[in-house]
């Protein structure tokens, strides 16, 4: 199961816990390109810390894939312009 799904389940199961609130803040910061205090990660227990790192890794990969898709789309547009 991917980290994003695990985090969603963890947060839904106990939304008032400090670790879940920290994970939620991390996700919101990633989504909105806002600042996130990296020191907050060190307050997490080891399992939640590892989940946070997995979220970061998946988020980066998703961004890369989205960027690749945009490049692919732009390449199609350029090709179509040259065919007209």
PDB file of N, CA and C in Angstrom:
ATOM      1  N   UNK A   1       0.843  -1.174   0.000  1.00  0.00           N
ATOM      2  CA  UNK A   1       0.000   0.000   0.000  1.00  0.00           C
ATOM      3  C   UNK A   1       0.890   1.240   0.000  1.00  0.00           C
ATOM      4  N   UNK A   2       0.491   2.251  -0.749  1.00  0.00           N
ATOM      5  CA  UNK A   2       1.341   3.427  -0.832  1.00  0.00           C
ATOM      6  C   UNK A   2       1.222   4.320   0.401  1.00  0.00           C
ATOM      7  N   UNK A   3       2.203   5.175   0.565  1.00  0.00           N
ATOM      8  CA  UNK A   3       2.296   6.016   1.761  1.00  0.00           C
ATOM      9  C   UNK A   3       1.144   7.005   1.861  1.00  0.00           C
ATOM     10  N   UNK A   4       0.697   7.527   0.737  1.00  0.00           N
ATOM     11  CA  UNK A   4      -0.399   8.494   0.749  1.00  0.00           C
ATOM     12  C   UNK A   4      -1.660   7.831   1.312  1.00  0.00           C
ATOM     13  N   UNK A   5      -1.927   6.629   0.858  1.00  0.00           N
ATOM     14  CA  UNK A   5      -3.102   5.894   1.335  1.00  0.00           C
ATOM     15  C   UNK A   5      -2.953   5.534   2.813  1.00  0.00           C
ATOM     16  N   UNK A   6      -1.761   5.100   3.208  1.00  0.00           N
ATOM     17  CA  UNK A   6      -1.516   4.776   4.617  1.00  0.00           C
ATOM     18  C   UNK A   6      -1.720   6.002   5.507  1.00  0.00           C
ATOM     19  N   UNK A   7      -1.206   7.132   5.047  1.00  0.00           N
ATOM     20  CA  UNK A   7      -1.348   8.365   5.830  1.00  0.00           C
ATOM     21  C   UNK A   7      -2.813   8.751   5.961  1.00  0.00           C
ATOM     22  N   UNK A   8      -3.570   8.618   4.892  1.00  0.00           N
ATOM     23  CA  UNK A   8      -4.996   8.947   4.938  1.00  0.00           C
ATOM     24  C   UNK A   8      -5.718   8.070   5.956  1.00  0.00           C
ATOM     25  N   UNK A   9      -5.405   6.790   5.933  1.00  0.00           N
ATOM     26  CA  UNK A   9      -6.035   5.873   6.890  1.00  0.00           C
ATOM     27  C   UNK A   9      -5.611   6.182   8.326  1.00  0.00           C
ATOM     28  N   UNK A  10      -4.338   6.485   8.504  1.00  0.00           N
ATOM     29  CA  UNK A  10      -3.827   6.786   9.843  1.00  0.00           C
ATOM     30  C   UNK A  10      -4.480   8.049  10.392  1.00  0.00           C
ATOM     31  N   UNK A  11      -4.562   9.083   9.574  1.00  0.00           N
ATOM     32  CA  UNK A  11      -5.147  10.351  10.001  1.00  0.00           C
ATOM     33  C   UNK A  11      -6.639  10.178  10.283  1.00  0.00           C
ATOM     34  N   UNK A  12      -7.330   9.416   9.439  1.00  0.00           N
ATOM     35  CA  UNK A  12      -8.766   9.186   9.649  1.00  0.00           C
ATOM     36  C   UNK A  12      -9.025   8.403  10.937  1.00  0.00           C
ATOM     37  N   UNK A  13      -8.121   7.511  11.279  1.00  0.00           N
ATOM     38  CA  UNK A  13      -8.307   6.675  12.465  1.00  0.00           C
ATOM     39  C   UNK A  13      -8.115   7.453  13.761  1.00  0.00           C
ATOM     40  N   UNK A  14      -7.255   8.468  13.745  1.00  0.00           N
ATOM     41  CA  UNK A  14      -6.968   9.205  14.979  1.00  0.00           C
ATOM     42  C   UNK A  14      -6.580  10.649  14.646  1.00  0.00           C
ATOM     43  N   UNK A  15      -7.530  11.442  14.156  1.00  0.00           N
ATOM     44  CA  UNK A  15      -7.202  12.787  13.680  1.00  0.00           C
ATOM     45  C   UNK A  15      -6.736  13.769  14.750  1.00  0.00           C
ATOM     46  N   UNK A  16      -6.931  13.443  16.016  1.00  0.00           N
ATOM     47  CA  UNK A  16      -6.533  14.370  17.075  1.00  0.00           C
ATOM     48  C   UNK A  16      -5.142  14.095  17.626  1.00  0.00           C
ATOM     49  N   UNK A  17      -4.529  12.984  17.230  1.00  0.00           N
ATOM     50  CA  UNK A  17      -3.197  12.684  17.756  1.00  0.00           C
ATOM     51  C   UNK A  17      -2.174  13.663  17.176  1.00  0.00           C
ATOM     52  N   UNK A  18      -1.143  13.907  17.949  1.00  0.00           N
ATOM     53  CA  UNK A  18      -0.105  14.852  17.522  1.00  0.00           C
ATOM     54  C   UNK A  18       0.577  14.393  16.234  1.00  0.00           C
ATOM     55  N   UNK A  19       0.849  13.099  16.129  1.00  0.00           N
ATOM     56  CA  UNK A  19       1.532  12.603  14.921  1.00  0.00           C
ATOM     57  C   UNK A  19       0.645  12.755  13.693  1.00  0.00           C
ATOM     58  N   UNK A  20      -0.644  12.517  13.840  1.00  0.00           N
ATOM     59  CA  UNK A  20      -1.554  12.674  12.698  1.00  0.00           C
ATOM     60  C   UNK A  20      -1.689  14.136  12.294  1.00  0.00           C
ATOM     61  N   UNK A  21      -1.708  15.014  13.277  1.00  0.00           N
ATOM     62  CA  UNK A  21      -1.779  16.440  12.946  1.00  0.00           C
ATOM     63  C   UNK A  21      -0.508  16.895  12.237  1.00  0.00           C
ATOM     64  N   UNK A  22       0.628  16.357  12.648  1.00  0.00           N
ATOM     65  CA  UNK A  22       1.884  16.701  11.982  1.00  0.00           C
ATOM     66  C   UNK A  22       1.902  16.175  10.551  1.00  0.00           C
ATOM     67  N   UNK A  23       1.454  14.945  10.357  1.00  0.00           N
ATOM     68  CA  UNK A  23       1.380  14.396   8.998  1.00  0.00           C
ATOM     69  C   UNK A  23       0.425  15.213   8.133  1.00  0.00           C
ATOM     70  N   UNK A  24      -0.695  15.612   8.692  1.00  0.00           N
ATOM     71  CA  UNK A  24      -1.651  16.431   7.946  1.00  0.00           C
ATOM     72  C   UNK A  24      -1.041  17.776   7.566  1.00  0.00           C
ATOM     73  N   UNK A  25      -0.305  18.386   8.499  1.00  0.00           N
ATOM     74  CA  UNK A  25       0.368  19.661   8.190  1.00  0.00           C
ATOM     75  C   UNK A  25       1.378  19.479   7.070  1.00  0.00           C
ATOM     76  N   UNK A  26       2.093  18.353   7.092  1.00  0.00           N
ATOM     77  CA  UNK A  26       3.067  18.063   6.036  1.00  0.00           C
ATOM     78  C   UNK A  26       2.370  17.973   4.684  1.00  0.00           C
ATOM     79  N   UNK A  27       1.294  17.224   4.613  1.00  0.00           N
ATOM     80  CA  UNK A  27       0.571  17.052   3.352  1.00  0.00           C
ATOM     81  C   UNK A  27       0.024  18.390   2.857  1.00  0.00           C
ATOM     82  N   UNK A  28      -0.553  19.175   3.756  1.00  0.00           N
ATOM     83  CA  UNK A  28      -1.080  20.480   3.358  1.00  0.00           C
ATOM     84  C   UNK A  28       0.029  21.400   2.860  1.00  0.00           C
ATOM     85  N   UNK A  29       1.176  21.356   3.500  1.00  0.00           N
ATOM     86  CA  UNK A  29       2.305  22.174   3.060  1.00  0.00           C
ATOM     87  C   UNK A  29       2.794  21.737   1.679  1.00  0.00           C
ATOM     88  N   UNK A  30       2.852  20.446   1.451  1.00  0.00           N
ATOM     89  CA  UNK A  30       3.280  19.950   0.140  1.00  0.00           C
ATOM     90  C   UNK A  30       2.295  20.360  -0.946  1.00  0.00           C
ATOM     91  N   UNK A  31       1.023  20.223  -0.661  1.00  0.00           N
ATOM     92  CA  UNK A  31       0.004  20.530  -1.663  1.00  0.00           C
ATOM     93  C   UNK A  31      -0.054  22.008  -1.995  1.00  0.00           C
ATOM     94  N   UNK A  32       0.145  22.855  -1.002  1.00  0.00           N
ATOM     95  CA  UNK A  32      -0.007  24.301  -1.210  1.00  0.00           C
ATOM     96  C   UNK A  32       1.320  25.032  -1.365  1.00  0.00           C
ATOM     97  N   UNK A  33       2.419  24.288  -1.446  1.00  0.00           N
ATOM     98  CA  UNK A  33       3.758  24.895  -1.550  1.00  0.00           C
ATOM     99  C   UNK A  33       4.030  25.880  -0.418  1.00  0.00           C
ATOM    100  N   UNK A  34       3.561  25.540   0.774  1.00  0.00           N
ATOM    101  CA  UNK A  34       3.798  26.356   1.960  1.00  0.00           C
ATOM    102  C   UNK A  34       4.992  25.808   2.727  1.00  0.00           C
ATOM    103  N   UNK A  35       5.499  26.619   3.638  1.00  0.00           N
ATOM    104  CA  UNK A  35       6.610  26.190   4.482  1.00  0.00           C
ATOM    105  C   UNK A  35       6.137  25.142   5.486  1.00  0.00           C
ATOM    106  N   UNK A  36       7.062  24.257   5.829  1.00  0.00           N
ATOM    107  CA  UNK A  36       6.821  23.250   6.845  1.00  0.00           C
ATOM    108  C   UNK A  36       8.084  23.152   7.684  1.00  0.00           C
ATOM    109  N   UNK A  37       7.930  23.211   8.992  1.00  0.00           N
ATOM    110  CA  UNK A  37       9.088  23.136   9.875  1.00  0.00           C
ATOM    111  C   UNK A  37       9.599  21.699   9.910  1.00  0.00           C
ATOM    112  N   UNK A  38      10.758  21.486   9.343  1.00  0.00           N
ATOM    113  CA  UNK A  38      11.336  20.152   9.275  1.00  0.00           C
ATOM    114  C   UNK A  38      11.550  19.569  10.671  1.00  0.00           C
ATOM    115  N   UNK A  39      11.760  20.414  11.644  1.00  0.00           N
ATOM    116  CA  UNK A  39      11.957  19.956  13.022  1.00  0.00           C
ATOM    117  C   UNK A  39      10.713  19.221  13.544  1.00  0.00           C
ATOM    118  N   UNK A  40       9.544  19.543  12.978  1.00  0.00           N
ATOM    119  CA  UNK A  40       8.322  18.854  13.396  1.00  0.00           C
ATOM    120  C   UNK A  40       8.382  17.359  13.097  1.00  0.00           C
ATOM    121  N   UNK A  41       9.137  16.988  12.070  1.00  0.00           N
ATOM    122  CA  UNK A  41       9.270  15.562  11.742  1.00  0.00           C
ATOM    123  C   UNK A  41       9.969  14.806  12.863  1.00  0.00           C
ATOM    124  N   UNK A  42      10.876  15.467  13.544  1.00  0.00           N
ATOM    125  CA  UNK A  42      11.646  14.801  14.599  1.00  0.00           C
ATOM    126  C   UNK A  42      10.843  14.577  15.877  1.00  0.00           C
ATOM    127  N   UNK A  43       9.646  15.159  15.939  1.00  0.00           N
ATOM    128  CA  UNK A  43       8.778  14.901  17.090  1.00  0.00           C
ATOM    129  C   UNK A  43       7.960  13.620  16.898  1.00  0.00           C
ATOM    130  N   UNK A  44       7.973  13.088  15.682  1.00  0.00           N
ATOM    131  CA  UNK A  44       7.184  11.890  15.375  1.00  0.00           C
ATOM    132  C   UNK A  44       7.853  10.634  15.911  1.00  0.00           C
ATOM    133  N   UNK A  45       7.023   9.641  16.250  1.00  0.00           N
ATOM    134  CA  UNK A  45       7.584   8.326  16.576  1.00  0.00           C
ATOM    135  C   UNK A  45       8.193   7.757  15.285  1.00  0.00           C
ATOM    136  N   UNK A  46       9.016   6.735  15.428  1.00  0.00           N
ATOM    137  CA  UNK A  46       9.773   6.235  14.279  1.00  0.00           C
ATOM    138  C   UNK A  46       8.874   5.771  13.137  1.00  0.00           C
ATOM    139  N   UNK A  47       7.791   5.100  13.430  1.00  0.00           N
ATOM    140  CA  UNK A  47       6.898   4.602  12.379  1.00  0.00           C
ATOM    141  C   UNK A  47       6.264   5.769  11.606  1.00  0.00           C
ATOM    142  N   UNK A  48       5.817   6.785  12.318  1.00  0.00           N
ATOM    143  CA  UNK A  48       5.227   7.965  11.666  1.00  0.00           C
ATOM    144  C   UNK A  48       6.288   8.753  10.917  1.00  0.00           C
ATOM    145  N   UNK A  49       7.491   8.822  11.464  1.00  0.00           N
ATOM    146  CA  UNK A  49       8.598   9.496  10.783  1.00  0.00           C
ATOM    147  C   UNK A  49       8.891   8.814   9.452  1.00  0.00           C
ATOM    148  N   UNK A  50       8.954   7.489   9.465  1.00  0.00           N
ATOM    149  CA  UNK A  50       9.198   6.746   8.227  1.00  0.00           C
ATOM    150  C   UNK A  50       8.056   6.946   7.237  1.00  0.00           C
ATOM    151  N   UNK A  51       6.835   7.037   7.729  1.00  0.00           N
ATOM    152  CA  UNK A  51       5.696   7.318   6.859  1.00  0.00           C
ATOM    153  C   UNK A  51       5.827   8.705   6.238  1.00  0.00           C
ATOM    154  N   UNK A  52       6.246   9.677   7.022  1.00  0.00           N
ATOM    155  CA  UNK A  52       6.443  11.036   6.511  1.00  0.00           C
ATOM    156  C   UNK A  52       7.502  11.045   5.403  1.00  0.00           C
ATOM    157  N   UNK A  53       8.579  10.313   5.599  1.00  0.00           N
ATOM    158  CA  UNK A  53       9.617  10.233   4.565  1.00  0.00           C
ATOM    159  C   UNK A  53       9.083   9.560   3.305  1.00  0.00           C
ATOM    160  N   UNK A  54       8.258   8.537   3.471  1.00  0.00           N
ATOM    161  CA  UNK A  54       7.657   7.858   2.323  1.00  0.00           C
ATOM    162  C   UNK A  54       6.697   8.801   1.585  1.00  0.00           C
ATOM    163  N   UNK A  55       5.957   9.615   2.342  1.00  0.00           N
ATOM    164  CA  UNK A  55       5.069  10.608   1.718  1.00  0.00           C
ATOM    165  C   UNK A  55       5.892  11.567   0.875  1.00  0.00           C
ATOM    166  N   UNK A  56       6.979  12.059   1.431  1.00  0.00           N
ATOM    167  CA  UNK A  56       7.853  12.979   0.688  1.00  0.00           C
ATOM    168  C   UNK A  56       8.371  12.336  -0.589  1.00  0.00           C
ATOM    169  N   UNK A  57       8.775  11.089  -0.481  1.00  0.00           N
ATOM    170  CA  UNK A  57       9.298  10.378  -1.645  1.00  0.00           C
ATOM    171  C   UNK A  57       8.225  10.218  -2.723  1.00  0.00           C
ATOM    172  N   UNK A  58       7.038   9.788  -2.324  1.00  0.00           N
ATOM    173  CA  UNK A  58       5.957   9.610  -3.289  1.00  0.00           C
ATOM    174  C   UNK A  58       5.527  10.942  -3.883  1.00  0.00           C
ATOM    175  N   UNK A  59       5.501  11.973  -3.068  1.00  0.00           N
ATOM    176  CA  UNK A  59       5.092  13.291  -3.547  1.00  0.00           C
ATOM    177  C   UNK A  59       6.057  13.779  -4.620  1.00  0.00           C
ATOM    178  N   UNK A  60       7.336  13.556  -4.374  1.00  0.00           N
ATOM    179  CA  UNK A  60       8.350  13.972  -5.348  1.00  0.00           C
ATOM    180  C   UNK A  60       8.174  13.196  -6.646  1.00  0.00           C
ATOM    181  N   UNK A  61       7.950  11.907  -6.548  1.00  0.00           N
ATOM    182  CA  UNK A  61       7.755  11.080  -7.728  1.00  0.00           C
ATOM    183  C   UNK A  61       6.514  11.534  -8.489  1.00  0.00           C
ATOM    184  N   UNK A  62       5.422  11.820  -7.775  1.00  0.00           N
ATOM    185  CA  UNK A  62       4.204  12.297  -8.430  1.00  0.00           C
ATOM    186  C   UNK A  62       4.449  13.613  -9.155  1.00  0.00           C
ATOM    187  N   UNK A  63       5.198  14.489  -8.540  1.00  0.00           N
ATOM    188  CA  UNK A  63       5.517  15.768  -9.191  1.00  0.00           C
ATOM    189  C   UNK A  63       6.313  15.532 -10.464  1.00  0.00           C
ATOM    190  N   UNK A  64       7.267  14.610 -10.405  1.00  0.00           N
ATOM    191  CA  UNK A  64       8.073  14.285 -11.569  1.00  0.00           C
ATOM    192  C   UNK A  64       7.186  13.729 -12.673  1.00  0.00           C
ATOM    193  N   UNK A  65       6.286  12.835 -12.327  1.00  0.00           N
ATOM    194  CA  UNK A  65       5.392  12.226 -13.315  1.00  0.00           C
ATOM    195  C   UNK A  65       4.469  13.278 -13.914  1.00  0.00           C
ATOM    196  N   UNK A  66       3.951  14.191 -13.078  1.00  0.00           N
ATOM    197  CA  UNK A  66       3.099  15.264 -13.591  1.00  0.00           C
ATOM    198  C   UNK A  66       3.883  16.152 -14.551  1.00  0.00           C
ATOM    199  N   UNK A  67       5.121  16.472 -14.196  1.00  0.00           N
ATOM    200  CA  UNK A  67       5.956  17.285 -15.068  1.00  0.00           C
ATOM    201  C   UNK A  67       6.234  16.584 -16.383  1.00  0.00           C
ATOM    202  N   UNK A  68       6.435  15.289 -16.314  1.00  0.00           N
ATOM    203  CA  UNK A  68       6.675  14.492 -17.509  1.00  0.00           C
ATOM    204  C   UNK A  68       5.431  14.489 -18.398  1.00  0.00           C
ATOM    205  N   UNK A  69       4.256  14.363 -17.783  1.00  0.00           N
ATOM    206  CA  UNK A  69       3.010  14.378 -18.544  1.00  0.00           C
ATOM    207  C   UNK A  69       2.808  15.730 -19.230  1.00  0.00           C
ATOM    208  N   UNK A  70       3.132  16.806 -18.533  1.00  0.00           N
ATOM    209  CA  UNK A  70       3.008  18.141 -19.133  1.00  0.00           C
ATOM    210  C   UNK A  70       3.969  18.302 -20.299  1.00  0.00           C
ATOM    211  N   UNK A  71       5.177  17.790 -20.146  1.00  0.00           N
ATOM    212  CA  UNK A  71       6.156  17.840 -21.237  1.00  0.00           C
ATOM    213  C   UNK A  71       5.664  17.035 -22.425  1.00  0.00           C
ATOM    214  N   UNK A  72       5.120  15.862 -22.162  1.00  0.00           N
ATOM    215  CA  UNK A  72       4.589  15.012 -23.221  1.00  0.00           C
ATOM    216  C   UNK A  72       3.468  15.731 -23.963  1.00  0.00           C
ATOM    217  N   UNK A  73       2.550  16.370 -23.215  1.00  0.00           N
ATOM    218  CA  UNK A  73       1.450  17.115 -23.816  1.00  0.00           C
ATOM    219  C   UNK A  73       1.976  18.272 -24.669  1.00  0.00           C
ATOM    220  N   UNK A  74       2.942  19.005 -24.137  1.00  0.00           N
ATOM    221  CA  UNK A  74       3.514  20.123 -24.890  1.00  0.00           C
ATOM    222  C   UNK A  74       4.188  19.622 -26.160  1.00  0.00           C
ATOM    223  N   UNK A  75       4.847  18.503 -26.084  1.00  0.00           N
ATOM    224  CA  UNK A  75       5.510  17.931 -27.262  1.00  0.00           C
ATOM    225  C   UNK A  75       4.487  17.580 -28.336  1.00  0.00           C
ATOM    226  N   UNK A  76       3.343  17.043 -27.910  1.00  0.00           N
ATOM    227  CA  UNK A  76       2.270  16.755 -28.870  1.00  0.00           C
ATOM    228  C   UNK A  76       1.778  18.036 -29.522  1.00  0.00           C
ATOM    229  N   UNK A  77       1.615  19.078 -28.744  1.00  0.00           N
ATOM    230  CA  UNK A  77       1.135  20.350 -29.297  1.00  0.00           C
ATOM    231  C   UNK A  77       2.108  20.912 -30.317  1.00  0.00           C
ATOM    232  N   UNK A  78       3.384  20.839 -30.018  1.00  0.00           N
ATOM    233  CA  UNK A  78       4.409  21.350 -30.937  1.00  0.00           C
ATOM    234  C   UNK A  78       4.386  20.523 -32.222  1.00  0.00           C
ATOM    235  N   UNK A  79       4.278  19.208 -32.085  1.00  0.00           N
ATOM    236  CA  UNK A  79       4.229  18.351 -33.257  1.00  0.00           C
ATOM    237  C   UNK A  79       3.003  18.682 -34.110  1.00  0.00           C
ATOM    238  N   UNK A  80       1.866  18.852 -33.450  1.00  0.00           N
ATOM    239  CA  UNK A  80       0.638  19.162 -34.186  1.00  0.00           C
ATOM    240  C   UNK A  80       0.722  20.514 -34.884  1.00  0.00           C
ATOM    241  N   UNK A  81       1.415  21.469 -34.259  1.00  0.00           N
ATOM    242  CA  UNK A  81       1.581  22.791 -34.884  1.00  0.00           C
ATOM    243  C   UNK A  81       2.435  22.678 -36.135  1.00  0.00           C
ATOM    244  N   UNK A  82       3.438  21.836 -36.104  1.00  0.00           N
ATOM    245  CA  UNK A  82       4.332  21.712 -37.248  1.00  0.00           C
ATOM    246  C   UNK A  82       3.673  20.920 -38.382  1.00  0.00           C
ATOM    247  N   UNK A  83       2.653  20.125 -38.085  1.00  0.00           N
ATOM    248  CA  UNK A  83       1.943  19.364 -39.110  1.00  0.00           C
ATOM    249  C   UNK A  83       0.904  20.212 -39.834  1.00  0.00           C
ATOM    250  N   UNK A  84       0.471  21.329 -39.202  1.00  0.00           N
ATOM    251  CA  UNK A  84      -0.562  22.150 -39.817  1.00  0.00           C
ATOM    252  C   UNK A  84      -0.005  23.081 -40.840  1.00  0.00           C
TER     253      UNK A  84
END
